[in-house]
Amino acid sequence: MFALNSEASFDARIPKRIARGADQLFLYSIKGGTTTIVDALVKVIENHQGQLHLNEFVTDIQIENNQINGVETNLGNFYPADIIVAS
């Protein structure tokens, strides 16, 4: 058996199925490509009434009373939010 990771016990801890239709073949390879993960994440966000804003980036995070209440983008848009996911 060929393993990409010399620590076989580490490979055993990596889940083989990370989402429906997204089987992990190796530590470095996902069936369907990384787009499968992105598509699954988009679906979860949209199913929970979340929104994705593409082709703009956050320039400021608005904080009030030690709570994040939204973000401002390079296009001057303000998006109020209870939860922000940043990467």
PDB file of N, CA and C in Angstrom:
ATOM      1  N   MET A   1       0.843  -1.183   0.000  1.00  0.00           N
ATOM      2  CA  MET A   1       0.000   0.000   0.000  1.00  0.00           C
ATOM      3  C   MET A   1       0.884   1.240   0.000  1.00  0.00           C
ATOM      4  N   PHE A   2       0.550   2.199  -0.821  1.00  0.00           N
ATOM      5  CA  PHE A   2       1.297   3.444  -0.920  1.00  0.00           C
ATOM      6  C   PHE A   2       0.581   4.522  -0.118  1.00  0.00           C
ATOM      7  N   ALA A   3       1.300   5.224   0.732  1.00  0.00           N
ATOM      8  CA  ALA A   3       0.717   6.310   1.523  1.00  0.00           C
ATOM      9  C   ALA A   3       1.500   7.585   1.270  1.00  0.00           C
ATOM     10  N   LEU A   4       0.798   8.682   1.066  1.00  0.00           N
ATOM     11  CA  LEU A   4       1.463   9.962   0.864  1.00  0.00           C
ATOM     12  C   LEU A   4       2.022  10.506   2.165  1.00  0.00           C
ATOM     13  N   ASN A   5       1.405  10.138   3.264  1.00  0.00           N
ATOM     14  CA  ASN A   5       1.844  10.607   4.567  1.00  0.00           C
ATOM     15  C   ASN A   5       2.594   9.466   5.251  1.00  0.00           C
ATOM     16  N   SER A   6       3.782   9.745   5.730  1.00  0.00           N
ATOM     17  CA  SER A   6       4.577   8.687   6.362  1.00  0.00           C
ATOM     18  C   SER A   6       3.967   8.230   7.683  1.00  0.00           C
ATOM     19  N   GLU A   7       3.084   9.029   8.269  1.00  0.00           N
ATOM     20  CA  GLU A   7       2.427   8.643   9.513  1.00  0.00           C
ATOM     21  C   GLU A   7       1.065   8.041   9.170  1.00  0.00           C
ATOM     22  N   ALA A   8       1.016   6.724   9.055  1.00  0.00           N
ATOM     23  CA  ALA A   8      -0.212   6.044   8.633  1.00  0.00           C
ATOM     24  C   ALA A   8      -1.376   6.313   9.582  1.00  0.00           C
ATOM     25  N   SER A   9      -1.098   6.460  10.870  1.00  0.00           N
ATOM     26  CA  SER A   9      -2.189   6.705  11.819  1.00  0.00           C
ATOM     27  C   SER A   9      -2.853   8.049  11.543  1.00  0.00           C
ATOM     28  N   PHE A  10      -2.110   9.019  11.009  1.00  0.00           N
ATOM     29  CA  PHE A  10      -2.696  10.308  10.654  1.00  0.00           C
ATOM     30  C   PHE A  10      -3.691  10.130   9.518  1.00  0.00           C
ATOM     31  N   ASP A  11      -3.308   9.371   8.490  1.00  0.00           N
ATOM     32  CA  ASP A  11      -4.210   9.122   7.369  1.00  0.00           C
ATOM     33  C   ASP A  11      -5.497   8.464   7.838  1.00  0.00           C
ATOM     34  N   ALA A  12      -5.428   7.593   8.836  1.00  0.00           N
ATOM     35  CA  ALA A  12      -6.608   6.897   9.341  1.00  0.00           C
ATOM     36  C   ALA A  12      -7.571   7.867  10.028  1.00  0.00           C
ATOM     37  N   ARG A  13      -7.067   8.989  10.543  1.00  0.00           N
ATOM     38  CA  ARG A  13      -7.928   9.957  11.233  1.00  0.00           C
ATOM     39  C   ARG A  13      -8.628  10.908  10.269  1.00  0.00           C
ATOM     40  N   ILE A  14      -8.180  10.979   9.021  1.00  0.00           N
ATOM     41  CA  ILE A  14      -8.801  11.858   8.037  1.00  0.00           C
ATOM     42  C   ILE A  14     -10.100  11.211   7.573  1.00  0.00           C
ATOM     43  N   PRO A  15     -11.234  11.913   7.656  1.00  0.00           N
ATOM     44  CA  PRO A  15     -12.496  11.296   7.237  1.00  0.00           C
ATOM     45  C   PRO A  15     -12.486  10.945   5.756  1.00  0.00           C
ATOM     46  N   LYS A  16     -13.020   9.781   5.435  1.00  0.00           N
ATOM     47  CA  LYS A  16     -13.071   9.340   4.039  1.00  0.00           C
ATOM     48  C   LYS A  16     -14.222  10.001   3.295  1.00  0.00           C
ATOM     49  N   ARG A  17     -15.284  10.350   3.998  1.00  0.00           N
ATOM     50  CA  ARG A  17     -16.431  11.007   3.364  1.00  0.00           C
ATOM     51  C   ARG A  17     -16.643  12.325   4.094  1.00  0.00           C
ATOM     52  N   ILE A  18     -16.397  13.430   3.392  1.00  0.00           N
ATOM     53  CA  ILE A  18     -16.521  14.737   4.025  1.00  0.00           C
ATOM     54  C   ILE A  18     -17.843  15.414   3.700  1.00  0.00           C
ATOM     55  N   ALA A  19     -18.514  14.959   2.654  1.00  0.00           N
ATOM     56  CA  ALA A  19     -19.835  15.473   2.284  1.00  0.00           C
ATOM     57  C   ALA A  19     -20.403  14.527   1.233  1.00  0.00           C
ATOM     58  N   ARG A  20     -21.690  14.582   1.029  1.00  0.00           N
ATOM     59  CA  ARG A  20     -22.308  13.727   0.016  1.00  0.00           C
ATOM     60  C   ARG A  20     -21.658  13.995  -1.340  1.00  0.00           C
ATOM     61  N   GLY A  21     -21.148  12.960  -1.960  1.00  0.00           N
ATOM     62  CA  GLY A  21     -20.520  13.092  -3.268  1.00  0.00           C
ATOM     63  C   GLY A  21     -19.101  13.625  -3.219  1.00  0.00           C
ATOM     64  N   ALA A  22     -18.531  13.758  -2.030  1.00  0.00           N
ATOM     65  CA  ALA A  22     -17.176  14.304  -1.908  1.00  0.00           C
ATOM     66  C   ALA A  22     -16.306  13.332  -1.126  1.00  0.00           C
ATOM     67  N   ASP A  23     -16.010  12.196  -1.715  1.00  0.00           N
ATOM     68  CA  ASP A  23     -15.145  11.214  -1.071  1.00  0.00           C
ATOM     69  C   ASP A  23     -13.702  11.674  -1.146  1.00  0.00           C
ATOM     70  N   GLN A  24     -12.983  11.527  -0.052  1.00  0.00           N
ATOM     71  CA  GLN A  24     -11.570  11.884  -0.049  1.00  0.00           C
ATOM     72  C   GLN A  24     -10.769  10.664  -0.466  1.00  0.00           C
ATOM     73  N   LEU A  25     -10.012  10.779  -1.550  1.00  0.00           N
ATOM     74  CA  LEU A  25      -9.232   9.662  -2.052  1.00  0.00           C
ATOM     75  C   LEU A  25      -7.873   9.580  -1.375  1.00  0.00           C
ATOM     76  N   PHE A  26      -7.226  10.696  -1.201  1.00  0.00           N
ATOM     77  CA  PHE A  26      -5.936  10.800  -0.538  1.00  0.00           C
ATOM     78  C   PHE A  26      -5.976  12.052   0.314  1.00  0.00           C
ATOM     79  N   LEU A  27      -4.948  12.251   1.084  1.00  0.00           N
ATOM     80  CA  LEU A  27      -4.854  13.465   1.878  1.00  0.00           C
ATOM     81  C   LEU A  27      -4.884  14.698   0.979  1.00  0.00           C
ATOM     82  N   TYR A  28      -4.372  14.575  -0.253  1.00  0.00           N
ATOM     83  CA  TYR A  28      -4.229  15.719  -1.140  1.00  0.00           C
ATOM     84  C   TYR A  28      -5.216  15.727  -2.300  1.00  0.00           C
ATOM     85  N   SER A  29      -6.144  14.784  -2.356  1.00  0.00           N
ATOM     86  CA  SER A  29      -7.019  14.681  -3.509  1.00  0.00           C
ATOM     87  C   SER A  29      -8.458  14.449  -3.069  1.00  0.00           C
ATOM     88  N   ILE A  30      -9.382  15.189  -3.644  1.00  0.00           N
ATOM     89  CA  ILE A  30     -10.795  15.035  -3.330  1.00  0.00           C
ATOM     90  C   ILE A  30     -11.530  14.696  -4.617  1.00  0.00           C
ATOM     91  N   LYS A  31     -12.323  13.634  -4.572  1.00  0.00           N
ATOM     92  CA  LYS A  31     -13.086  13.213  -5.742  1.00  0.00           C
ATOM     93  C   LYS A  31     -13.987  14.360  -6.183  1.00  0.00           C
ATOM     94  N   GLY A  32     -13.888  14.742  -7.425  1.00  0.00           N
ATOM     95  CA  GLY A  32     -14.665  15.866  -7.936  1.00  0.00           C
ATOM     96  C   GLY A  32     -13.924  17.189  -7.825  1.00  0.00           C
ATOM     97  N   GLY A  33     -12.756  17.188  -7.189  1.00  0.00           N
ATOM     98  CA  GLY A  33     -11.953  18.400  -7.057  1.00  0.00           C
ATOM     99  C   GLY A  33     -12.422  19.293  -5.916  1.00  0.00           C
ATOM    100  N   THR A  34     -11.667  20.340  -5.672  1.00  0.00           N
ATOM    101  CA  THR A  34     -11.986  21.236  -4.565  1.00  0.00           C
ATOM    102  C   THR A  34     -13.283  22.009  -4.799  1.00  0.00           C
ATOM    103  N   THR A  35     -13.718  22.069  -6.044  1.00  0.00           N
ATOM    104  CA  THR A  35     -14.999  22.714  -6.340  1.00  0.00           C
ATOM    105  C   THR A  35     -16.134  22.019  -5.598  1.00  0.00           C
ATOM    106  N   THR A  36     -16.002  20.717  -5.368  1.00  0.00           N
ATOM    107  CA  THR A  36     -17.013  19.957  -4.641  1.00  0.00           C
ATOM    108  C   THR A  36     -17.201  20.526  -3.236  1.00  0.00           C
ATOM    109  N   ILE A  37     -16.104  20.881  -2.584  1.00  0.00           N
ATOM    110  CA  ILE A  37     -16.182  21.452  -1.236  1.00  0.00           C
ATOM    111  C   ILE A  37     -16.829  22.833  -1.292  1.00  0.00           C
ATOM    112  N   VAL A  38     -16.414  23.641  -2.245  1.00  0.00           N
ATOM    113  CA  VAL A  38     -16.976  24.985  -2.384  1.00  0.00           C
ATOM    114  C   VAL A  38     -18.474  24.903  -2.653  1.00  0.00           C
ATOM    115  N   ASP A  39     -18.882  24.028  -3.562  1.00  0.00           N
ATOM    116  CA  ASP A  39     -20.305  23.877  -3.880  1.00  0.00           C
ATOM    117  C   ASP A  39     -21.105  23.444  -2.654  1.00  0.00           C
ATOM    118  N   ALA A  40     -20.549  22.529  -1.864  1.00  0.00           N
ATOM    119  CA  ALA A  40     -21.235  22.071  -0.649  1.00  0.00           C
ATOM    120  C   ALA A  40     -21.362  23.208   0.360  1.00  0.00           C
ATOM    121  N   LEU A  41     -20.317  24.007   0.514  1.00  0.00           N
ATOM    122  CA  LEU A  41     -20.353  25.138   1.443  1.00  0.00           C
ATOM    123  C   LEU A  41     -21.380  26.172   0.997  1.00  0.00           C
ATOM    124  N   VAL A  42     -21.418  26.482  -0.290  1.00  0.00           N
ATOM    125  CA  VAL A  42     -22.402  27.431  -0.824  1.00  0.00           C
ATOM    126  C   VAL A  42     -23.816  26.932  -0.546  1.00  0.00           C
ATOM    127  N   LYS A  43     -24.049  25.650  -0.766  1.00  0.00           N
ATOM    128  CA  LYS A  43     -25.376  25.074  -0.553  1.00  0.00           C
ATOM    129  C   LYS A  43     -25.805  25.198   0.910  1.00  0.00           C
ATOM    130  N   VAL A  44     -24.899  24.907   1.833  1.00  0.00           N
ATOM    131  CA  VAL A  44     -25.214  25.012   3.266  1.00  0.00           C
ATOM    132  C   VAL A  44     -25.525  26.461   3.636  1.00  0.00           C
ATOM    133  N   ILE A  45     -24.714  27.392   3.159  1.00  0.00           N
ATOM    134  CA  ILE A  45     -24.934  28.811   3.465  1.00  0.00           C
ATOM    135  C   ILE A  45     -26.291  29.264   2.939  1.00  0.00           C
ATOM    136  N   GLU A  46     -26.589  28.949   1.684  1.00  0.00           N
ATOM    137  CA  GLU A  46     -27.853  29.382   1.087  1.00  0.00           C
ATOM    138  C   GLU A  46     -29.056  28.687   1.726  1.00  0.00           C
ATOM    139  N   ASN A  47     -28.915  27.424   2.126  1.00  0.00           N
ATOM    140  CA  ASN A  47     -30.009  26.707   2.785  1.00  0.00           C
ATOM    141  C   ASN A  47     -30.337  27.287   4.157  1.00  0.00           C
ATOM    142  N   HIS A  48     -29.405  28.042   4.723  1.00  0.00           N
ATOM    143  CA  HIS A  48     -29.619  28.682   6.020  1.00  0.00           C
ATOM    144  C   HIS A  48     -29.813  30.192   5.865  1.00  0.00           C
ATOM    145  N   GLN A  49     -30.313  30.600   4.707  1.00  0.00           N
ATOM    146  CA  GLN A  49     -30.612  31.993   4.384  1.00  0.00           C
ATOM    147  C   GLN A  49     -29.384  32.904   4.440  1.00  0.00           C
ATOM    148  N   GLY A  50     -28.207  32.316   4.266  1.00  0.00           N
ATOM    149  CA  GLY A  50     -26.989  33.115   4.196  1.00  0.00           C
ATOM    150  C   GLY A  50     -26.818  33.694   2.805  1.00  0.00           C
ATOM    151  N   GLN A  51     -25.942  34.663   2.686  1.00  0.00           N
ATOM    152  CA  GLN A  51     -25.677  35.304   1.402  1.00  0.00           C
ATOM    153  C   GLN A  51     -24.184  35.288   1.121  1.00  0.00           C
ATOM    154  N   LEU A  52     -23.856  35.135  -0.155  1.00  0.00           N
ATOM    155  CA  LEU A  52     -22.471  35.233  -0.605  1.00  0.00           C
ATOM    156  C   LEU A  52     -22.354  36.463  -1.490  1.00  0.00           C
ATOM    157  N   HIS A  53     -21.335  37.258  -1.257  1.00  0.00           N
ATOM    158  CA  HIS A  53     -21.100  38.450  -2.067  1.00  0.00           C
ATOM    159  C   HIS A  53     -19.747  38.263  -2.742  1.00  0.00           C
ATOM    160  N   LEU A  54     -19.775  38.119  -4.053  1.00  0.00           N
ATOM    161  CA  LEU A  54     -18.570  37.813  -4.811  1.00  0.00           C
ATOM    162  C   LEU A  54     -18.002  39.063  -5.478  1.00  0.00           C
ATOM    163  N   ASN A  55     -16.740  38.993  -5.840  1.00  0.00           N
ATOM    164  CA  ASN A  55     -16.044  40.048  -6.583  1.00  0.00           C
ATOM    165  C   ASN A  55     -15.953  41.368  -5.824  1.00  0.00           C
ATOM    166  N   GLU A  56     -15.908  41.288  -4.517  1.00  0.00           N
ATOM    167  CA  GLU A  56     -15.624  42.447  -3.678  1.00  0.00           C
ATOM    168  C   GLU A  56     -14.973  41.922  -2.404  1.00  0.00           C
ATOM    169  N   PHE A  57     -14.255  42.788  -1.722  1.00  0.00           N
ATOM    170  CA  PHE A  57     -13.589  42.332  -0.510  1.00  0.00           C
ATOM    171  C   PHE A  57     -13.864  43.280   0.643  1.00  0.00           C
ATOM    172  N   VAL A  58     -13.751  42.743   1.839  1.00  0.00           N
ATOM    173  CA  VAL A  58     -14.042  43.495   3.056  1.00  0.00           C
ATOM    174  C   VAL A  58     -12.926  44.497   3.317  1.00  0.00           C
ATOM    175  N   THR A  59     -13.325  45.746   3.544  1.00  0.00           N
ATOM    176  CA  THR A  59     -12.352  46.780   3.897  1.00  0.00           C
ATOM    177  C   THR A  59     -12.482  47.199   5.358  1.00  0.00           C
ATOM    178  N   ASP A  60     -13.651  46.909   5.962  1.00  0.00           N
ATOM    179  CA  ASP A  60     -13.855  47.291   7.356  1.00  0.00           C
ATOM    180  C   ASP A  60     -14.884  46.368   7.996  1.00  0.00           C
ATOM    181  N   ILE A  61     -14.620  45.981   9.222  1.00  0.00           N
ATOM    182  CA  ILE A  61     -15.570  45.200  10.011  1.00  0.00           C
ATOM    183  C   ILE A  61     -16.147  46.141  11.060  1.00  0.00           C
ATOM    184  N   GLN A  62     -17.459  46.313  11.040  1.00  0.00           N
ATOM    185  CA  GLN A  62     -18.128  47.220  11.970  1.00  0.00           C
ATOM    186  C   GLN A  62     -18.388  46.510  13.296  1.00  0.00           C
ATOM    187  N   ILE A  63     -17.956  47.127  14.381  1.00  0.00           N
ATOM    188  CA  ILE A  63     -18.134  46.561  15.717  1.00  0.00           C
ATOM    189  C   ILE A  63     -18.854  47.587  16.583  1.00  0.00           C
ATOM    190  N   GLU A  64     -19.870  47.117  17.288  1.00  0.00           N
ATOM    191  CA  GLU A  64     -20.623  47.978  18.195  1.00  0.00           C
ATOM    192  C   GLU A  64     -20.901  47.194  19.473  1.00  0.00           C
ATOM    193  N   ASN A  65     -20.565  47.757  20.615  1.00  0.00           N
ATOM    194  CA  ASN A  65     -20.736  47.086  21.911  1.00  0.00           C
ATOM    195  C   ASN A  65     -20.053  45.718  21.931  1.00  0.00           C
ATOM    196  N   ASN A  66     -18.832  45.674  21.401  1.00  0.00           N
ATOM    197  CA  ASN A  66     -18.035  44.444  21.342  1.00  0.00           C
ATOM    198  C   ASN A  66     -18.683  43.330  20.531  1.00  0.00           C
ATOM    199  N   GLN A  67     -19.586  43.673  19.620  1.00  0.00           N
ATOM    200  CA  GLN A  67     -20.239  42.699  18.747  1.00  0.00           C
ATOM    201  C   GLN A  67     -20.057  43.136  17.295  1.00  0.00           C
ATOM    202  N   ILE A  68     -19.736  42.193  16.430  1.00  0.00           N
ATOM    203  CA  ILE A  68     -19.675  42.502  15.003  1.00  0.00           C
ATOM    204  C   ILE A  68     -21.099  42.693  14.509  1.00  0.00           C
ATOM    205  N   ASN A  69     -21.337  43.795  13.792  1.00  0.00           N
ATOM    206  CA  ASN A  69     -22.691  44.004  13.271  1.00  0.00           C
ATOM    207  C   ASN A  69     -22.732  44.114  11.753  1.00  0.00           C
ATOM    208  N   GLY A  70     -21.586  43.971  11.084  1.00  0.00           N
ATOM    209  CA  GLY A  70     -21.582  43.988   9.630  1.00  0.00           C
ATOM    210  C   GLY A  70     -20.209  44.287   9.068  1.00  0.00           C
ATOM    211  N   VAL A  71     -20.147  44.300   7.735  1.00  0.00           N
ATOM    212  CA  VAL A  71     -18.891  44.586   7.046  1.00  0.00           C
ATOM    213  C   VAL A  71     -19.123  45.608   5.942  1.00  0.00           C
ATOM    214  N   GLU A  72     -18.079  46.370   5.653  1.00  0.00           N
ATOM    215  CA  GLU A  72     -18.091  47.297   4.526  1.00  0.00           C
ATOM    216  C   GLU A  72     -17.097  46.779   3.498  1.00  0.00           C
ATOM    217  N   THR A  73     -17.428  46.942   2.213  1.00  0.00           N
ATOM    218  CA  THR A  73     -16.576  46.398   1.156  1.00  0.00           C
ATOM    219  C   THR A  73     -15.900  47.500   0.355  1.00  0.00           C
ATOM    220  N   ASN A  74     -14.987  47.085  -0.511  1.00  0.00           N
ATOM    221  CA  ASN A  74     -14.264  48.020  -1.367  1.00  0.00           C
ATOM    222  C   ASN A  74     -15.188  48.752  -2.339  1.00  0.00           C
ATOM    223  N   LEU A  75     -16.387  48.233  -2.565  1.00  0.00           N
ATOM    224  CA  LEU A  75     -17.348  48.895  -3.448  1.00  0.00           C
ATOM    225  C   LEU A  75     -18.240  49.869  -2.682  1.00  0.00           C
ATOM    226  N   GLY A  76     -17.982  50.007  -1.371  1.00  0.00           N
ATOM    227  CA  GLY A  76     -18.765  50.917  -0.546  1.00  0.00           C
ATOM    228  C   GLY A  76     -20.051  50.313  -0.016  1.00  0.00           C
ATOM    229  N   ASN A  77     -20.266  49.030  -0.257  1.00  0.00           N
ATOM    230  CA  ASN A  77     -21.472  48.369   0.242  1.00  0.00           C
ATOM    231  C   ASN A  77     -21.306  48.006   1.711  1.00  0.00           C
ATOM    232  N   PHE A  78     -22.393  48.128   2.471  1.00  0.00           N
ATOM    233  CA  PHE A  78     -22.407  47.689   3.862  1.00  0.00           C
ATOM    234  C   PHE A  78     -23.382  46.537   3.974  1.00  0.00           C
ATOM    235  N   TYR A  79     -22.918  45.440   4.573  1.00  0.00           N
ATOM    236  CA  TYR A  79     -23.752  44.261   4.768  1.00  0.00           C
ATOM    237  C   TYR A  79     -23.884  43.993   6.258  1.00  0.00           C
ATOM    238  N   PRO A  80     -25.067  44.274   6.830  1.00  0.00           N
ATOM    239  CA  PRO A  80     -25.264  43.936   8.238  1.00  0.00           C
ATOM    240  C   PRO A  80     -25.265  42.418   8.394  1.00  0.00           C
ATOM    241  N   ALA A  81     -24.734  41.940   9.500  1.00  0.00           N
ATOM    242  CA  ALA A  81     -24.652  40.490   9.687  1.00  0.00           C
ATOM    243  C   ALA A  81     -24.546  40.140  11.159  1.00  0.00           C
ATOM    244  N   ASP A  82     -25.181  39.030  11.516  1.00  0.00           N
ATOM    245  CA  ASP A  82     -25.034  38.468  12.859  1.00  0.00           C
ATOM    246  C   ASP A  82     -23.807  37.573  12.921  1.00  0.00           C
ATOM    247  N   ILE A  83     -23.510  36.920  11.785  1.00  0.00           N
ATOM    248  CA  ILE A  83     -22.376  36.002  11.700  1.00  0.00           C
ATOM    249  C   ILE A  83     -21.582  36.335  10.444  1.00  0.00           C
ATOM    250  N   ILE A  84     -20.264  36.342  10.577  1.00  0.00           N
ATOM    251  CA  ILE A  84     -19.383  36.593   9.438  1.00  0.00           C
ATOM    252  C   ILE A  84     -18.393  35.444   9.357  1.00  0.00           C
ATOM    253  N   VAL A  85     -18.243  34.875   8.166  1.00  0.00           N
ATOM    254  CA  VAL A  85     -17.252  33.831   7.935  1.00  0.00           C
ATOM    255  C   VAL A  85     -16.161  34.442   7.068  1.00  0.00           C
ATOM    256  N   ALA A  86     -14.943  34.451   7.563  1.00  0.00           N
ATOM    257  CA  ALA A  86     -13.829  35.041   6.826  1.00  0.00           C
ATOM    258  C   ALA A  86     -12.785  33.978   6.546  1.00  0.00           C
ATOM    259  N   SER A  87     -12.153  34.090   5.390  1.00  0.00           N
ATOM    260  CA  SER A  87     -11.078  33.147   5.069  1.00  0.00           C
ATOM    261  C   SER A  87      -9.918  33.883   4.444  1.00  0.00           C
TER     262      SER A  87
END
